[in-house]
């Protein structure tokens, strides 16, 4: 698995519009790179919608949000159109990015085992190094604060950590 401080694996892969997005073209920017299993499924939809809703706040932090799944660009376009997503989705159909980032793993679901994407998020700093990572992400968590149950969005946790990292630089 990738460790904080190590150079992020380089990538070049098509987005939803079949335009190749390469990490080398993003040097100098903060990157929020999140991996998710499948378009048009409940958890993945919530995550994509949450990152879309927070996109302006990430823009203010000079960060680009990239969602990655093994789905092809046509399926990404359907996902984007159905939910009016504004973030960029990368089509990792050969699973190379998933493997390079260590998120393509054996998963157990309903008594069955198969290979799949373990929901994970990485913050890559402007020098191309891993600044933070989350594995086995819960998109939305219930938390009790002062006796009141609140919902904590993963996108908010990522944004808050990105702010901390930038303030520390």
C-alpha atoms as a PDB file:
ATOM      1  CA  UNK A   1       0.000   0.000   0.000  1.00  0.00           C
ATOM      2  CA  UNK A   2       1.084   3.539  -0.650  1.00  0.00           C
ATOM      3  CA  UNK A   3       2.439   5.492   2.315  1.00  0.00           C
ATOM      4  CA  UNK A   4       2.178   9.177   3.200  1.00  0.00           C
ATOM      5  CA  UNK A   5       5.247  11.067   1.993  1.00  0.00           C
ATOM      6  CA  UNK A   6       5.986   8.745  -0.903  1.00  0.00           C
ATOM      7  CA  UNK A   7       5.791   9.894  -4.522  1.00  0.00           C
ATOM      8  CA  UNK A   8       2.323   9.263  -5.906  1.00  0.00           C
ATOM      9  CA  UNK A   9       2.180   6.772  -8.778  1.00  0.00           C
ATOM     10  CA  UNK A  10       1.960   8.591 -12.097  1.00  0.00           C
ATOM     11  CA  UNK A  11      -1.084   8.120 -14.278  1.00  0.00           C
ATOM     12  CA  UNK A  12      -2.485   8.941 -17.691  1.00  0.00           C
ATOM     13  CA  UNK A  13      -6.050   7.800 -18.264  1.00  0.00           C
ATOM     14  CA  UNK A  14      -9.140   9.076 -20.083  1.00  0.00           C
ATOM     15  CA  UNK A  15     -11.834  11.095 -18.378  1.00  0.00           C
ATOM     16  CA  UNK A  16     -15.576  10.959 -19.079  1.00  0.00           C
ATOM     17  CA  UNK A  17     -15.033  12.861 -22.348  1.00  0.00           C
ATOM     18  CA  UNK A  18     -12.213  10.557 -23.531  1.00  0.00           C
ATOM     19  CA  UNK A  19      -9.635  13.285 -22.877  1.00  0.00           C
ATOM     20  CA  UNK A  20      -6.450  11.900 -21.369  1.00  0.00           C
ATOM     21  CA  UNK A  21      -5.705  13.277 -17.897  1.00  0.00           C
ATOM     22  CA  UNK A  22      -2.091  12.869 -16.750  1.00  0.00           C
ATOM     23  CA  UNK A  23      -0.652  13.466 -13.308  1.00  0.00           C
ATOM     24  CA  UNK A  24       2.367  15.229 -14.854  1.00  0.00           C
ATOM     25  CA  UNK A  25      -0.004  17.957 -16.111  1.00  0.00           C
ATOM     26  CA  UNK A  26      -1.286  18.546 -12.568  1.00  0.00           C
ATOM     27  CA  UNK A  27       2.063  19.167 -10.837  1.00  0.00           C
ATOM     28  CA  UNK A  28       1.741  22.374  -8.833  1.00  0.00           C
ATOM     29  CA  UNK A  29      -1.885  21.677  -7.857  1.00  0.00           C
ATOM     30  CA  UNK A  30      -3.335  19.778  -4.943  1.00  0.00           C
ATOM     31  CA  UNK A  31      -5.167  16.643  -6.101  1.00  0.00           C
ATOM     32  CA  UNK A  32      -7.962  14.840  -4.317  1.00  0.00           C
ATOM     33  CA  UNK A  33      -7.924  11.408  -5.919  1.00  0.00           C
ATOM     34  CA  UNK A  34     -10.752   9.174  -4.803  1.00  0.00           C
ATOM     35  CA  UNK A  35     -11.342   5.607  -5.916  1.00  0.00           C
ATOM     36  CA  UNK A  36     -14.828   4.127  -5.898  1.00  0.00           C
ATOM     37  CA  UNK A  37     -16.246   0.764  -7.035  1.00  0.00           C
ATOM     38  CA  UNK A  38     -18.988   1.516  -9.560  1.00  0.00           C
ATOM     39  CA  UNK A  39     -20.998   4.294 -11.173  1.00  0.00           C
ATOM     40  CA  UNK A  40     -24.721   4.593 -10.466  1.00  0.00           C
ATOM     41  CA  UNK A  41     -24.660   2.682  -7.159  1.00  0.00           C
ATOM     42  CA  UNK A  42     -25.893   4.219  -3.871  1.00  0.00           C
ATOM     43  CA  UNK A  43     -22.630   4.806  -1.963  1.00  0.00           C
ATOM     44  CA  UNK A  44     -20.746   5.885  -5.073  1.00  0.00           C
ATOM     45  CA  UNK A  45     -23.557   8.257  -6.037  1.00  0.00           C
ATOM     46  CA  UNK A  46     -23.553   9.847  -2.571  1.00  0.00           C
ATOM     47  CA  UNK A  47     -19.787  10.278  -2.692  1.00  0.00           C
ATOM     48  CA  UNK A  48     -19.798  11.836  -6.173  1.00  0.00           C
ATOM     49  CA  UNK A  49     -22.685  14.154  -5.274  1.00  0.00           C
ATOM     50  CA  UNK A  50     -20.981  15.205  -2.021  1.00  0.00           C
ATOM     51  CA  UNK A  51     -17.709  16.019  -3.810  1.00  0.00           C
ATOM     52  CA  UNK A  52     -19.663  17.902  -6.511  1.00  0.00           C
ATOM     53  CA  UNK A  53     -21.502  19.937  -3.853  1.00  0.00           C
ATOM     54  CA  UNK A  54     -18.166  20.848  -2.234  1.00  0.00           C
ATOM     55  CA  UNK A  55     -16.271  21.459  -5.480  1.00  0.00           C
ATOM     56  CA  UNK A  56     -16.221  25.268  -5.153  1.00  0.00           C
ATOM     57  CA  UNK A  57     -14.618  24.939  -1.701  1.00  0.00           C
ATOM     58  CA  UNK A  58     -11.938  22.660  -3.167  1.00  0.00           C
ATOM     59  CA  UNK A  59     -11.440  25.150  -6.023  1.00  0.00           C
ATOM     60  CA  UNK A  60     -10.811  27.844  -3.397  1.00  0.00           C
ATOM     61  CA  UNK A  61      -8.055  25.578  -2.030  1.00  0.00           C
ATOM     62  CA  UNK A  62      -6.514  25.220  -5.517  1.00  0.00           C
ATOM     63  CA  UNK A  63      -7.395  21.514  -5.539  1.00  0.00           C
ATOM     64  CA  UNK A  64      -8.732  19.362  -8.335  1.00  0.00           C
ATOM     65  CA  UNK A  65     -11.069  16.449  -7.543  1.00  0.00           C
ATOM     66  CA  UNK A  66     -10.664  13.278  -9.589  1.00  0.00           C
ATOM     67  CA  UNK A  67     -12.913  10.268  -9.100  1.00  0.00           C
ATOM     68  CA  UNK A  68     -11.613   6.929 -10.405  1.00  0.00           C
ATOM     69  CA  UNK A  69     -13.417   3.668 -11.118  1.00  0.00           C
ATOM     70  CA  UNK A  70     -13.015   0.798 -13.574  1.00  0.00           C
ATOM     71  CA  UNK A  71     -16.130   1.977 -15.456  1.00  0.00           C
ATOM     72  CA  UNK A  72     -15.662   3.218 -19.011  1.00  0.00           C
ATOM     73  CA  UNK A  73     -16.071   6.817 -20.148  1.00  0.00           C
ATOM     74  CA  UNK A  74     -19.559   6.208 -21.589  1.00  0.00           C
ATOM     75  CA  UNK A  75     -20.821   4.951 -18.225  1.00  0.00           C
ATOM     76  CA  UNK A  76     -19.141   7.922 -16.515  1.00  0.00           C
ATOM     77  CA  UNK A  77     -21.012  10.283 -18.882  1.00  0.00           C
ATOM     78  CA  UNK A  78     -24.356   8.630 -17.976  1.00  0.00           C
ATOM     79  CA  UNK A  79     -23.499   8.939 -14.273  1.00  0.00           C
ATOM     80  CA  UNK A  80     -22.566  12.615 -14.670  1.00  0.00           C
ATOM     81  CA  UNK A  81     -25.700  13.417 -16.680  1.00  0.00           C
ATOM     82  CA  UNK A  82     -28.075  11.575 -14.335  1.00  0.00           C
ATOM     83  CA  UNK A  83     -26.777  13.306 -11.195  1.00  0.00           C
ATOM     84  CA  UNK A  84     -25.542  16.606 -12.705  1.00  0.00           C
ATOM     85  CA  UNK A  85     -22.005  15.973 -11.486  1.00  0.00           C
ATOM     86  CA  UNK A  86     -19.347  18.598 -12.181  1.00  0.00           C
ATOM     87  CA  UNK A  87     -16.272  16.673 -11.010  1.00  0.00           C
ATOM     88  CA  UNK A  88     -13.936  14.800 -13.340  1.00  0.00           C
ATOM     89  CA  UNK A  89     -14.234  11.019 -13.463  1.00  0.00           C
ATOM     90  CA  UNK A  90     -11.373   8.881 -14.764  1.00  0.00           C
ATOM     91  CA  UNK A  91     -12.002   5.619 -16.614  1.00  0.00           C
ATOM     92  CA  UNK A  92      -9.511   3.087 -15.271  1.00  0.00           C
ATOM     93  CA  UNK A  93     -10.838   0.232 -17.406  1.00  0.00           C
ATOM     94  CA  UNK A  94      -7.565  -1.715 -17.283  1.00  0.00           C
ATOM     95  CA  UNK A  95      -7.436  -1.198 -13.492  1.00  0.00           C
ATOM     96  CA  UNK A  96      -3.829   0.006 -13.702  1.00  0.00           C
ATOM     97  CA  UNK A  97      -4.424   3.040 -11.471  1.00  0.00           C
ATOM     98  CA  UNK A  98      -6.358   0.917  -8.993  1.00  0.00           C
ATOM     99  CA  UNK A  99      -3.486  -1.553  -8.851  1.00  0.00           C
ATOM    100  CA  UNK A 100      -0.797   1.164  -8.680  1.00  0.00           C
ATOM    101  CA  UNK A 101      -2.573   2.805  -5.730  1.00  0.00           C
ATOM    102  CA  UNK A 102      -3.243  -0.539  -4.026  1.00  0.00           C
ATOM    103  CA  UNK A 103      -7.032  -0.258  -4.015  1.00  0.00           C
ATOM    104  CA  UNK A 104      -7.750  -3.275  -6.281  1.00  0.00           C
ATOM    105  CA  UNK A 105      -8.161  -5.951  -3.620  1.00  0.00           C
ATOM    106  CA  UNK A 106      -9.965  -9.142  -2.698  1.00  0.00           C
ATOM    107  CA  UNK A 107     -13.316  -8.166  -1.197  1.00  0.00           C
ATOM    108  CA  UNK A 108     -15.947 -10.181   0.630  1.00  0.00           C
ATOM    109  CA  UNK A 109     -19.614  -9.363   0.085  1.00  0.00           C
ATOM    110  CA  UNK A 110     -22.590 -11.491   1.114  1.00  0.00           C
ATOM    111  CA  UNK A 111     -20.394 -14.546   1.581  1.00  0.00           C
ATOM    112  CA  UNK A 112     -18.695 -14.226  -1.794  1.00  0.00           C
ATOM    113  CA  UNK A 113     -15.144 -13.180  -2.578  1.00  0.00           C
ATOM    114  CA  UNK A 114     -14.103 -11.250  -5.659  1.00  0.00           C
ATOM    115  CA  UNK A 115     -11.630  -8.610  -6.727  1.00  0.00           C
ATOM    116  CA  UNK A 116     -12.833  -5.045  -6.627  1.00  0.00           C
ATOM    117  CA  UNK A 117     -12.102  -1.452  -5.702  1.00  0.00           C
ATOM    118  CA  UNK A 118     -11.764  -0.726  -1.998  1.00  0.00           C
ATOM    119  CA  UNK A 119     -13.130   2.795  -1.587  1.00  0.00           C
ATOM    120  CA  UNK A 120     -10.084   4.971  -0.851  1.00  0.00           C
ATOM    121  CA  UNK A 121      -9.049   8.618  -1.073  1.00  0.00           C
ATOM    122  CA  UNK A 122      -5.631  10.235  -1.460  1.00  0.00           C
ATOM    123  CA  UNK A 123      -4.527  13.849  -1.235  1.00  0.00           C
ATOM    124  CA  UNK A 124      -1.531  14.496  -3.474  1.00  0.00           C
ATOM    125  CA  UNK A 125       0.476  17.650  -2.781  1.00  0.00           C
ATOM    126  CA  UNK A 126       1.746  20.067  -5.458  1.00  0.00           C
ATOM    127  CA  UNK A 127       5.097  18.230  -5.578  1.00  0.00           C
ATOM    128  CA  UNK A 128       3.352  14.950  -6.449  1.00  0.00           C
ATOM    129  CA  UNK A 129       3.677  13.266  -3.056  1.00  0.00           C
ATOM    130  CA  UNK A 130       0.997  11.518  -1.026  1.00  0.00           C
ATOM    131  CA  UNK A 131       0.007  13.975   1.717  1.00  0.00           C
ATOM    132  CA  UNK A 132      -2.904  11.992   3.210  1.00  0.00           C
ATOM    133  CA  UNK A 133      -4.851   8.804   2.612  1.00  0.00           C
ATOM    134  CA  UNK A 134      -8.043   7.123   3.721  1.00  0.00           C
ATOM    135  CA  UNK A 135      -8.727   3.416   3.190  1.00  0.00           C
ATOM    136  CA  UNK A 136     -12.048   1.578   3.386  1.00  0.00           C
ATOM    137  CA  UNK A 137     -13.878   4.892   3.322  1.00  0.00           C
ATOM    138  CA  UNK A 138     -17.388   5.336   4.705  1.00  0.00           C
ATOM    139  CA  UNK A 139     -18.977   8.011   2.533  1.00  0.00           C
ATOM    140  CA  UNK A 140     -21.284   9.223   5.295  1.00  0.00           C
ATOM    141  CA  UNK A 141     -20.914   8.394   8.981  1.00  0.00           C
ATOM    142  CA  UNK A 142     -23.314   9.004  11.836  1.00  0.00           C
ATOM    143  CA  UNK A 143     -21.641  10.633  14.804  1.00  0.00           C
ATOM    144  CA  UNK A 144     -22.969  11.814  18.147  1.00  0.00           C
ATOM    145  CA  UNK A 145     -21.877  15.303  19.159  1.00  0.00           C
ATOM    146  CA  UNK A 146     -23.154  16.716  22.474  1.00  0.00           C
ATOM    147  CA  UNK A 147     -25.955  14.146  22.473  1.00  0.00           C
ATOM    148  CA  UNK A 148     -27.070  15.005  18.945  1.00  0.00           C
ATOM    149  CA  UNK A 149     -26.651  12.628  16.002  1.00  0.00           C
ATOM    150  CA  UNK A 150     -25.074  14.282  12.985  1.00  0.00           C
ATOM    151  CA  UNK A 151     -23.963  13.018   9.604  1.00  0.00           C
ATOM    152  CA  UNK A 152     -20.303  13.502   8.749  1.00  0.00           C
ATOM    153  CA  UNK A 153     -19.520  13.559   5.028  1.00  0.00           C
ATOM    154  CA  UNK A 154     -16.225  12.096   3.830  1.00  0.00           C
ATOM    155  CA  UNK A 155     -15.885  15.028   1.408  1.00  0.00           C
ATOM    156  CA  UNK A 156     -15.956  17.441   4.375  1.00  0.00           C
ATOM    157  CA  UNK A 157     -13.323  15.419   6.245  1.00  0.00           C
ATOM    158  CA  UNK A 158     -11.091  15.513   3.140  1.00  0.00           C
ATOM    159  CA  UNK A 159     -11.617  19.263   2.656  1.00  0.00           C
ATOM    160  CA  UNK A 160     -10.820  20.000   6.303  1.00  0.00           C
ATOM    161  CA  UNK A 161      -7.648  17.880   6.175  1.00  0.00           C
ATOM    162  CA  UNK A 162      -6.587  19.589   2.926  1.00  0.00           C
ATOM    163  CA  UNK A 163      -6.919  22.987   4.656  1.00  0.00           C
ATOM    164  CA  UNK A 164      -4.762  21.730   7.550  1.00  0.00           C
ATOM    165  CA  UNK A 165      -2.096  20.422   5.179  1.00  0.00           C
ATOM    166  CA  UNK A 166      -1.985  23.708   3.298  1.00  0.00           C
ATOM    167  CA  UNK A 167      -1.740  25.749   6.492  1.00  0.00           C
ATOM    168  CA  UNK A 168       1.163  23.561   7.657  1.00  0.00           C
ATOM    169  CA  UNK A 169       3.177  24.170   4.431  1.00  0.00           C
END
